[in-house]
Amino acid sequence: MKVQIGQLEYSALVDDGAEMNIIRERHAIEARLKINRDDYGFLVGASGSTPFCGTASGVLVTVGKVKVRSYFYVLPRVEHEVLLGRAFLRRLESIIINKHDGTMFVILCDPVCGYYEVVKCANTGPYCSRNRLNPESYTFPESEKLRKEKESLGEEPNAREFSLTLPDIGQAIDFVSTHEAIDPNVVQALTEIITDTGSAGTMRLVYSPPGGNKGEDEELTSTQQGPFLEDAGLTPAPNVSTRK
């Protein structure tokens, strides 16, 4: 959630399982906090020890109308800008609400002044990638859209066929090196035909325009025709067919 320290606003992680408050050194300097550099050492936890370069006491943390003074450890390298633990939560009345869709709300109340704030945590909710049990799940709209796009690529709903006459093997190799989407197995088969028969072979490729299915009788623009019929000196065969 967004908190104000000094004159600046930061994104704070609320962790009711953490014992202390933590702020990144760079942001502590920006907020003009009075850092006690003589108090330094290591924070030892279950995951190991982390060095801290100082402490700051009496730091005013503002969330809306709620204002709390708390104690912070200053760390040179930390993932979050500000971490608020039980040292912050115990100085006011707080309730953390978790909804069924993963959204989390924090209710903060100052019992002295009577002010309170209801804050929705920014990185919570059904559409937050951090809270997804399975990022590949198709229950989310964007994943469903991605699945449909993959299916449409496999179906080739608006495919168009072009017949190209290649008088020699070199042009086939140049064509593939220029257009990576061409299947190299097709070129290999074409090369074998030309080598065995000694005559010109015909390579058939399928191209799906990016505009989607707009009808069978619609003509392709010159920019769509160019990469297949004009590059590398290729000659179109007499029978150019179009299918859906």
Protein backbone atom coordinates (compact mmCIF):
# COMPACT_ATOMS: atom_id res chain seq x y z
CA MET A 1 0.00 0.00 0.00
CA LYS A 2 1.03 3.65 -0.39
CA VAL A 3 2.49 5.37 2.66
CA GLN A 4 4.04 8.80 3.16
CA ILE A 5 7.36 9.13 4.97
CA GLY A 6 8.58 12.69 5.23
CA GLN A 7 7.46 14.52 2.11
CA LEU A 8 7.67 11.48 -0.20
CA GLU A 9 5.32 8.59 -0.95
CA TYR A 10 6.50 4.99 -1.10
CA SER A 11 5.06 1.55 -1.77
CA ALA A 12 5.09 -0.36 1.51
CA LEU A 13 4.73 -4.08 2.09
CA VAL A 14 2.56 -4.86 5.14
CA ASP A 15 3.75 -8.07 6.80
CA ASP A 16 2.09 -9.02 10.08
CA GLY A 17 4.61 -11.85 10.43
CA ALA A 18 7.63 -9.55 10.47
CA GLU A 19 8.82 -8.18 13.80
CA MET A 20 10.46 -4.96 12.66
CA ASN A 21 10.07 -2.17 10.13
CA ILE A 22 12.59 -1.91 7.30
CA ILE A 23 13.38 0.87 4.84
CA ARG A 24 15.86 0.93 1.98
CA GLU A 25 18.87 3.16 2.62
CA ARG A 26 18.45 5.17 -0.57
CA HIS A 27 14.84 6.02 0.28
CA ALA A 28 15.72 6.81 3.89
CA ILE A 29 18.19 9.41 2.62
CA GLU A 30 15.60 10.79 0.18
CA ALA A 31 13.07 11.13 3.02
CA ARG A 32 15.74 12.94 5.08
CA LEU A 33 15.51 10.56 8.00
CA LYS A 34 18.00 10.94 10.83
CA ILE A 35 19.98 7.69 10.57
CA ASN A 36 22.03 6.45 13.50
CA ARG A 37 25.08 5.01 11.73
CA ASP A 38 26.61 3.82 15.02
CA ASP A 39 23.85 1.23 15.37
CA TYR A 40 24.63 -1.40 12.73
CA GLY A 41 24.95 -5.15 12.53
CA PHE A 42 23.03 -8.14 11.19
CA LEU A 43 19.37 -9.13 11.26
CA VAL A 44 19.30 -12.89 11.84
CA GLY A 45 16.23 -14.77 10.64
CA ALA A 46 15.15 -18.19 9.47
CA SER A 47 16.50 -17.57 5.96
CA GLY A 48 19.90 -16.27 7.10
CA SER A 49 21.45 -13.00 8.22
CA THR A 50 21.07 -9.63 6.50
CA PRO A 51 23.30 -6.62 7.26
CA PHE A 52 21.78 -3.29 8.23
CA CYS A 53 23.72 -0.03 8.11
CA GLY A 54 21.77 2.01 10.65
CA THR A 55 18.50 2.69 12.45
CA ALA A 56 15.99 5.53 12.50
CA SER A 57 13.68 6.24 15.43
CA GLY A 58 10.56 8.37 15.65
CA VAL A 59 9.85 8.09 11.92
CA LEU A 60 6.44 9.53 11.05
CA VAL A 61 4.46 7.21 8.78
CA THR A 62 1.29 8.69 7.27
CA VAL A 63 -1.49 6.63 5.71
CA GLY A 64 -4.32 8.97 4.79
CA LYS A 65 -5.44 10.59 8.04
CA VAL A 66 -3.68 8.02 10.23
CA LYS A 67 -0.23 9.06 11.48
CA VAL A 68 2.09 6.75 13.41
CA ARG A 69 5.65 7.18 14.67
CA SER A 70 7.72 4.02 14.54
CA TYR A 71 11.26 2.58 14.56
CA PHE A 72 13.01 1.50 11.35
CA TYR A 73 16.02 -0.58 10.43
CA VAL A 74 17.91 0.82 7.42
CA LEU A 75 19.14 -1.80 4.93
CA PRO A 76 21.40 -1.03 1.96
CA ARG A 77 19.88 -3.77 -0.22
CA VAL A 78 16.29 -4.91 0.20
CA GLU A 79 13.59 -5.98 -2.26
CA HIS A 80 10.86 -3.57 -1.10
CA GLU A 81 11.12 0.16 -0.54
CA VAL A 82 9.42 -0.03 2.87
CA LEU A 83 8.37 -3.03 4.96
CA LEU A 84 5.90 -2.49 7.81
CA GLY A 85 5.83 -5.21 10.44
CA ARG A 86 4.34 -5.66 13.89
CA ALA A 87 6.42 -2.74 15.20
CA PHE A 88 4.17 -0.52 13.07
CA LEU A 89 0.87 -2.39 13.48
CA ARG A 90 0.99 -2.56 17.28
CA ARG A 91 1.04 1.26 17.58
CA LEU A 92 -2.50 1.45 16.22
CA GLU A 93 -5.56 -0.74 15.85
CA SER A 94 -5.51 -2.72 12.63
CA ILE A 95 -7.62 -5.36 10.91
CA ILE A 96 -6.49 -7.30 7.83
CA ILE A 97 -9.34 -8.65 5.69
CA ASN A 98 -8.76 -11.31 3.03
CA LYS A 99 -11.57 -11.78 0.52
CA HIS A 100 -12.31 -15.02 -1.30
CA ASP A 101 -10.92 -13.65 -4.59
CA GLY A 102 -7.53 -12.88 -3.05
CA THR A 103 -8.10 -9.17 -2.48
CA MET A 104 -6.70 -7.90 0.81
CA PHE A 105 -7.81 -4.83 2.75
CA VAL A 106 -6.06 -3.24 5.71
CA ILE A 107 -8.11 -1.18 8.17
CA LEU A 108 -5.98 1.19 10.23
CA CYS A 109 -7.41 3.17 13.16
CA ASP A 110 -5.80 5.71 15.46
CA PRO A 111 -7.55 5.19 18.84
CA VAL A 112 -6.36 8.55 20.18
CA CYS A 113 -7.64 10.79 17.39
CA GLY A 114 -10.35 8.47 16.12
CA TYR A 115 -9.17 8.62 12.50
CA TYR A 116 -9.25 5.48 10.39
CA GLU A 117 -8.34 4.41 6.87
CA VAL A 118 -9.50 1.45 4.77
CA VAL A 119 -6.72 0.64 2.30
CA LYS A 120 -6.87 -1.89 -0.52
CA CYS A 121 -3.51 -3.55 -1.06
CA ALA A 122 -2.30 -2.87 -4.58
CA ASN A 123 -0.85 -6.27 -5.49
CA THR A 124 -3.85 -8.35 -4.45
CA GLY A 125 -6.95 -9.54 -6.26
CA PRO A 126 -7.90 -12.19 -8.83
CA TYR A 127 -5.98 -10.54 -11.68
CA CYS A 128 -2.67 -10.09 -9.86
CA SER A 129 0.00 -12.46 -11.21
CA ARG A 130 1.67 -12.70 -7.80
CA ASN A 131 -1.39 -14.34 -6.28
CA ARG A 132 -2.09 -16.93 -8.97
CA LEU A 133 -1.68 -20.49 -7.89
CA ASN A 134 -1.20 -21.53 -11.51
CA PRO A 135 -0.02 -18.79 -13.89
CA GLU A 136 -0.81 -21.06 -16.87
CA SER A 137 -4.45 -21.46 -15.82
CA TYR A 138 -6.98 -20.62 -18.53
CA THR A 139 -9.49 -19.31 -16.00
CA PHE A 140 -8.10 -15.80 -16.41
CA PRO A 141 -9.30 -13.68 -19.37
CA GLU A 142 -5.82 -12.87 -20.67
CA SER A 143 -4.79 -16.53 -20.57
CA GLU A 144 -8.00 -17.48 -22.36
CA LYS A 145 -7.19 -14.93 -25.06
CA LEU A 146 -3.68 -16.35 -25.41
CA ARG A 147 -5.07 -19.88 -25.72
CA LYS A 148 -7.43 -18.80 -28.52
CA GLU A 149 -4.57 -17.12 -30.36
CA LYS A 150 -2.49 -20.30 -30.19
CA GLU A 151 -5.41 -22.35 -31.49
CA SER A 152 -6.00 -19.94 -34.37
CA LEU A 153 -2.35 -20.23 -35.43
CA GLY A 154 -2.68 -24.01 -35.63
CA GLU A 155 -5.95 -23.99 -37.57
CA GLU A 156 -4.85 -21.52 -40.30
CA PRO A 157 -8.44 -20.24 -40.79
CA ASN A 158 -7.52 -17.78 -43.56
CA ALA A 159 -4.67 -19.56 -45.30
CA ARG A 160 -3.69 -18.60 -48.84
CA GLU A 161 -1.52 -20.74 -51.12
CA PHE A 162 1.16 -19.42 -53.45
CA SER A 163 2.95 -21.52 -56.07
CA LEU A 164 6.52 -20.44 -56.74
CA THR A 165 8.83 -21.78 -59.46
CA LEU A 166 12.45 -22.09 -58.34
CA PRO A 167 14.84 -22.67 -61.30
CA ASP A 168 17.80 -23.59 -59.07
CA ILE A 169 18.62 -24.74 -55.54
CA GLY A 170 20.44 -21.53 -54.64
CA GLN A 171 17.27 -19.48 -54.83
CA ALA A 172 15.51 -21.89 -52.47
CA ILE A 173 18.31 -21.56 -49.93
CA ASP A 174 18.30 -17.78 -50.25
CA PHE A 175 14.54 -17.73 -49.84
CA VAL A 176 14.68 -19.69 -46.57
CA SER A 177 17.54 -17.62 -45.17
CA THR A 178 15.49 -14.48 -45.81
CA HIS A 179 12.16 -15.82 -44.50
CA GLU A 180 12.63 -17.86 -41.33
CA ALA A 181 8.98 -18.95 -41.26
CA ILE A 182 9.49 -21.34 -44.19
CA ASP A 183 9.74 -24.99 -43.16
CA PRO A 184 13.30 -26.22 -43.94
CA ASN A 185 11.95 -29.75 -44.54
CA VAL A 186 10.03 -28.44 -47.55
CA VAL A 187 13.20 -26.94 -48.98
CA GLN A 188 15.11 -30.18 -48.39
CA ALA A 189 12.46 -32.16 -50.28
CA LEU A 190 12.54 -29.61 -53.09
CA THR A 191 16.33 -29.83 -53.24
CA GLU A 192 16.18 -33.61 -53.61
CA ILE A 193 13.65 -33.33 -56.43
CA ILE A 194 15.80 -30.85 -58.33
CA THR A 195 18.92 -32.93 -57.78
CA ASP A 196 17.29 -36.16 -58.97
CA THR A 197 15.35 -34.86 -61.94
CA GLY A 198 17.57 -31.97 -62.96
CA SER A 199 14.50 -29.86 -63.66
CA ALA A 200 12.91 -26.90 -61.97
CA GLY A 201 10.81 -27.73 -58.96
CA THR A 202 7.81 -26.02 -57.43
CA MET A 203 7.65 -25.11 -53.73
CA ARG A 204 4.21 -24.55 -52.20
CA LEU A 205 3.96 -22.45 -49.06
CA VAL A 206 0.97 -21.29 -46.97
CA TYR A 207 0.75 -17.73 -45.73
CA SER A 208 -1.89 -16.41 -43.28
CA PRO A 209 -2.42 -12.62 -43.43
CA PRO A 210 -2.33 -10.91 -40.00
CA GLY A 211 -5.65 -9.16 -40.59
CA GLY A 212 -7.69 -12.27 -39.80
CA ASN A 213 -10.41 -13.94 -41.91
CA LYS A 214 -11.87 -11.24 -44.14
CA GLY A 215 -13.34 -13.35 -46.90
CA GLU A 216 -12.09 -15.48 -49.73
CA ASP A 217 -12.50 -12.93 -52.50
CA GLU A 218 -10.54 -10.14 -50.82
CA GLU A 219 -7.23 -9.42 -52.55
CA LEU A 220 -3.98 -9.17 -50.63
CA THR A 221 -2.18 -5.84 -50.48
CA SER A 222 1.13 -5.35 -52.24
CA THR A 223 2.99 -5.35 -48.92
CA GLN A 224 1.65 -8.82 -48.17
CA GLN A 225 2.44 -10.11 -51.64
CA GLY A 226 5.93 -8.63 -51.78
CA PRO A 227 7.82 -10.95 -49.40
CA PHE A 228 6.73 -14.00 -51.38
CA LEU A 229 6.55 -12.89 -55.01
CA GLU A 230 9.14 -10.13 -55.39
CA ASP A 231 12.11 -10.98 -53.15
CA ALA A 232 15.05 -13.11 -54.27
CA GLY A 233 14.04 -12.91 -57.94
CA LEU A 234 11.35 -15.58 -57.66
CA THR A 235 8.94 -16.17 -60.54
CA PRO A 236 5.27 -16.91 -59.76
CA ALA A 237 3.79 -19.97 -61.40
CA PRO A 238 0.81 -19.54 -63.75
CA ASN A 239 -1.63 -21.20 -61.32
CA VAL A 240 -1.90 -19.11 -58.18
CA SER A 241 -4.80 -20.40 -56.11
CA THR A 242 -6.46 -19.04 -52.99
CA ARG A 243 -8.24 -21.17 -50.44
CA LYS A 244 -9.78 -20.59 -47.05
